[in-house]
Amino acid sequence: MSFYRDNIYPHLVTALGDPPPIRKIRERIVPLASGKVLEIGVGSGVNFRLYDSSRVSKVYARVIIPPAQRHLLQQCVSCNLQTINVTAELIIMGSEENSVKPVTIFGLFAVTAIPVTYTLEKRSHWYILAFAMSCGLGSAYGFLQGAWPFGIVEAIWAMVAVQRWRSLSSI
């Protein structure tokens, strides 16, 4: 147990996560909650003290945090949970579960390239070929992520663009 982790970090997280302008809004809105509440991105749990225990039956608090910092967050949330008489369940997910996968980055590139190259087609017939390749990449992305209808449509667009490029490049 370290002094920083036990005595400073919980108060620092609460202070930074609850600036006065936002606190005023929270103090108006959170007490209106009723029934079962799902709080996403719970942070240090600053909203917990604002729930009306006569209106709220259970709070599900979801947070995404790297595994190395989980014990710190649990301490902050536990401290704030003690201020209410509501059953609460903390759902902690590791950031590794929401990390960006390579196929997502590939898809972002492919799907962004499609409208960019389409917009530039009037400048040169080479942009039509670039559009065809972008559609091919978009098609590959569609199949890789399991959206096969998207993959088929993009493959068709790629073939149409290749035919357009061939007809313009032979002139």
Protein backbone atom coordinates (compact mmCIF):
# COMPACT_ATOMS: atom_id res chain seq x y z
CA MET A 1 0.00 0.00 0.00
CA SER A 2 1.40 3.34 -0.96
CA PHE A 3 0.54 6.72 0.48
CA TYR A 4 -0.10 8.19 -3.00
CA ARG A 5 -2.39 5.36 -4.11
CA ASP A 6 -4.38 5.32 -0.88
CA ASN A 7 -4.62 8.98 0.05
CA ILE A 8 -3.93 11.22 -2.93
CA TYR A 9 -5.00 9.44 -6.13
CA PRO A 10 -8.68 8.89 -5.17
CA HIS A 11 -9.14 12.57 -4.31
CA LEU A 12 -7.24 13.72 -7.40
CA VAL A 13 -9.42 11.62 -9.71
CA THR A 14 -12.58 12.87 -8.03
CA ALA A 15 -11.48 16.52 -8.20
CA LEU A 16 -10.45 16.37 -11.87
CA GLY A 17 -13.53 14.38 -12.85
CA ASP A 18 -16.00 16.73 -11.16
CA PRO A 19 -15.30 20.38 -12.08
CA PRO A 20 -17.80 22.92 -10.67
CA PRO A 21 -19.69 23.67 -13.94
CA ILE A 22 -20.27 19.97 -14.58
CA ARG A 23 -21.09 19.34 -10.92
CA LYS A 24 -23.98 21.84 -11.13
CA ILE A 25 -25.46 19.97 -14.08
CA ARG A 26 -25.02 16.62 -12.34
CA GLU A 27 -26.70 17.90 -9.20
CA ARG A 28 -29.80 18.77 -11.27
CA ILE A 29 -29.97 15.68 -13.47
CA VAL A 30 -28.71 12.65 -11.51
CA PRO A 31 -31.29 12.81 -8.68
CA LEU A 32 -34.02 12.40 -11.31
CA ALA A 33 -32.84 8.88 -12.17
CA SER A 34 -35.11 6.03 -11.12
CA GLY A 35 -35.25 2.24 -11.24
CA LYS A 36 -32.15 0.43 -12.49
CA VAL A 37 -29.44 2.79 -13.71
CA LEU A 38 -26.61 1.99 -16.12
CA GLU A 39 -23.81 4.49 -15.77
CA ILE A 40 -21.28 4.23 -18.57
CA GLY A 41 -17.84 5.74 -18.04
CA VAL A 42 -18.32 5.97 -14.29
CA GLY A 43 -14.89 7.49 -13.63
CA SER A 44 -14.40 7.72 -9.89
CA GLY A 45 -18.11 7.42 -9.16
CA VAL A 46 -18.85 11.07 -8.36
CA ASN A 47 -22.49 10.60 -9.39
CA PHE A 48 -23.12 7.91 -6.78
CA ARG A 49 -23.69 10.34 -3.92
CA LEU A 50 -26.36 12.11 -6.02
CA TYR A 51 -28.66 9.11 -6.57
CA ASP A 52 -31.87 9.18 -4.57
CA SER A 53 -32.00 5.78 -2.83
CA SER A 54 -35.80 6.00 -2.67
CA ARG A 55 -35.96 6.17 -6.49
CA VAL A 56 -32.97 4.07 -7.64
CA SER A 57 -33.01 0.33 -6.98
CA LYS A 58 -29.66 -0.61 -8.50
CA VAL A 59 -26.74 1.10 -10.23
CA TYR A 60 -24.69 -0.71 -12.85
CA ALA A 61 -21.46 1.22 -13.21
CA ARG A 62 -19.43 0.42 -16.34
CA VAL A 63 -15.89 1.62 -16.85
CA ILE A 64 -13.07 0.81 -19.23
CA ILE A 65 -9.63 1.03 -17.71
CA PRO A 66 -6.21 -0.56 -18.27
CA PRO A 67 -5.60 -3.57 -16.01
CA ALA A 68 -2.69 -1.86 -14.23
CA GLN A 69 -4.98 0.89 -12.90
CA ARG A 70 -7.97 -1.24 -11.85
CA HIS A 71 -7.10 -1.38 -8.16
CA LEU A 72 -6.91 2.42 -8.04
CA LEU A 73 -10.30 2.86 -9.67
CA GLN A 74 -11.91 0.23 -7.47
CA GLN A 75 -10.74 2.14 -4.44
CA CYS A 76 -12.17 5.45 -5.75
CA VAL A 77 -15.50 3.87 -6.69
CA SER A 78 -15.75 1.94 -3.42
CA CYS A 79 -15.22 5.17 -1.48
CA ASN A 80 -18.03 6.89 -3.38
CA LEU A 81 -20.31 3.83 -3.22
CA GLN A 82 -20.26 3.98 0.56
CA THR A 83 -22.12 7.29 0.40
CA ILE A 84 -25.37 5.73 -0.91
CA ASN A 85 -27.82 3.05 0.18
CA VAL A 86 -28.23 1.62 -3.31
CA THR A 87 -27.05 -1.77 -4.51
CA ALA A 88 -24.31 -1.22 -7.06
CA GLU A 89 -22.42 -3.48 -9.40
CA LEU A 90 -19.12 -2.29 -10.85
CA ILE A 91 -18.46 -3.66 -14.31
CA ILE A 92 -14.79 -3.16 -15.14
CA MET A 93 -13.58 -3.84 -18.65
CA GLY A 94 -9.94 -3.74 -19.67
CA SER A 95 -8.87 -1.32 -22.34
CA GLU A 96 -7.42 -4.25 -24.25
CA GLU A 97 -11.00 -5.31 -25.02
CA ASN A 98 -11.63 -2.04 -26.82
CA SER A 99 -8.30 -1.53 -28.49
CA VAL A 100 -8.25 -0.74 -32.20
CA LYS A 101 -7.63 -3.83 -34.25
CA PRO A 102 -5.49 -3.78 -37.41
CA VAL A 103 -8.50 -4.69 -39.57
CA THR A 104 -10.27 -1.57 -38.29
CA ILE A 105 -7.35 0.65 -39.28
CA PHE A 106 -7.24 -1.06 -42.68
CA GLY A 107 -10.99 -0.46 -43.08
CA LEU A 108 -10.67 3.18 -42.10
CA PHE A 109 -8.00 3.68 -44.76
CA ALA A 110 -9.96 1.80 -47.44
CA VAL A 111 -13.31 3.44 -46.79
CA THR A 112 -11.75 6.91 -46.60
CA ALA A 113 -9.84 6.38 -49.84
CA ILE A 114 -13.03 5.60 -51.77
CA PRO A 115 -14.66 9.07 -51.65
CA VAL A 116 -11.29 10.84 -51.88
CA THR A 117 -10.31 9.08 -55.09
CA TYR A 118 -13.84 9.38 -56.49
CA THR A 119 -13.74 13.15 -55.92
CA LEU A 120 -10.42 13.40 -57.78
CA GLU A 121 -11.50 11.30 -60.81
CA LYS A 122 -12.03 14.34 -63.07
CA ARG A 123 -8.39 15.40 -62.69
CA SER A 124 -6.89 12.31 -64.31
CA HIS A 125 -7.85 8.84 -65.46
CA TRP A 126 -5.29 7.51 -62.96
CA TYR A 127 -7.61 8.56 -60.14
CA ILE A 128 -10.23 6.26 -61.65
CA LEU A 129 -7.75 3.41 -61.26
CA ALA A 130 -7.05 4.57 -57.70
CA PHE A 131 -10.82 4.55 -57.08
CA ALA A 132 -11.00 0.99 -58.39
CA MET A 133 -8.19 -0.07 -56.06
CA SER A 134 -9.89 1.71 -53.14
CA CYS A 135 -13.10 -0.17 -53.88
CA GLY A 136 -11.08 -3.39 -53.99
CA LEU A 137 -9.63 -2.60 -50.58
CA GLY A 138 -13.10 -1.72 -49.30
CA SER A 139 -14.35 -5.05 -50.62
CA ALA A 140 -11.54 -6.91 -48.83
CA TYR A 141 -12.40 -5.04 -45.64
CA GLY A 142 -16.07 -5.97 -45.97
CA PHE A 143 -15.23 -9.65 -46.24
CA LEU A 144 -12.62 -9.50 -43.46
CA GLN A 145 -15.06 -8.03 -40.96
CA GLY A 146 -17.94 -10.29 -41.99
CA ALA A 147 -20.07 -7.79 -43.89
CA TRP A 148 -20.13 -9.81 -47.09
CA PRO A 149 -22.90 -7.76 -48.82
CA PHE A 150 -20.67 -4.68 -48.48
CA GLY A 151 -17.75 -6.75 -49.81
CA ILE A 152 -19.76 -7.84 -52.87
CA VAL A 153 -21.02 -4.33 -53.68
CA GLU A 154 -17.52 -2.85 -53.38
CA ALA A 155 -16.10 -5.62 -55.60
CA ILE A 156 -18.68 -4.74 -58.26
CA TRP A 157 -17.79 -1.03 -57.99
CA ALA A 158 -14.12 -1.98 -58.37
CA MET A 159 -14.85 -3.91 -61.59
CA VAL A 160 -16.95 -1.05 -63.00
CA ALA A 161 -14.17 1.44 -62.21
CA VAL A 162 -11.52 -0.77 -63.85
CA GLN A 163 -13.66 -0.90 -67.02
CA ARG A 164 -14.03 2.90 -66.96
CA TRP A 165 -10.27 3.30 -66.50
CA ARG A 166 -9.52 0.92 -69.40
CA SER A 167 -11.87 2.76 -71.74
CA LEU A 168 -10.35 6.17 -70.84
CA SER A 169 -6.72 5.05 -70.81
CA SER A 170 -6.96 3.60 -74.35
CA ILE A 171 -8.14 6.92 -75.84
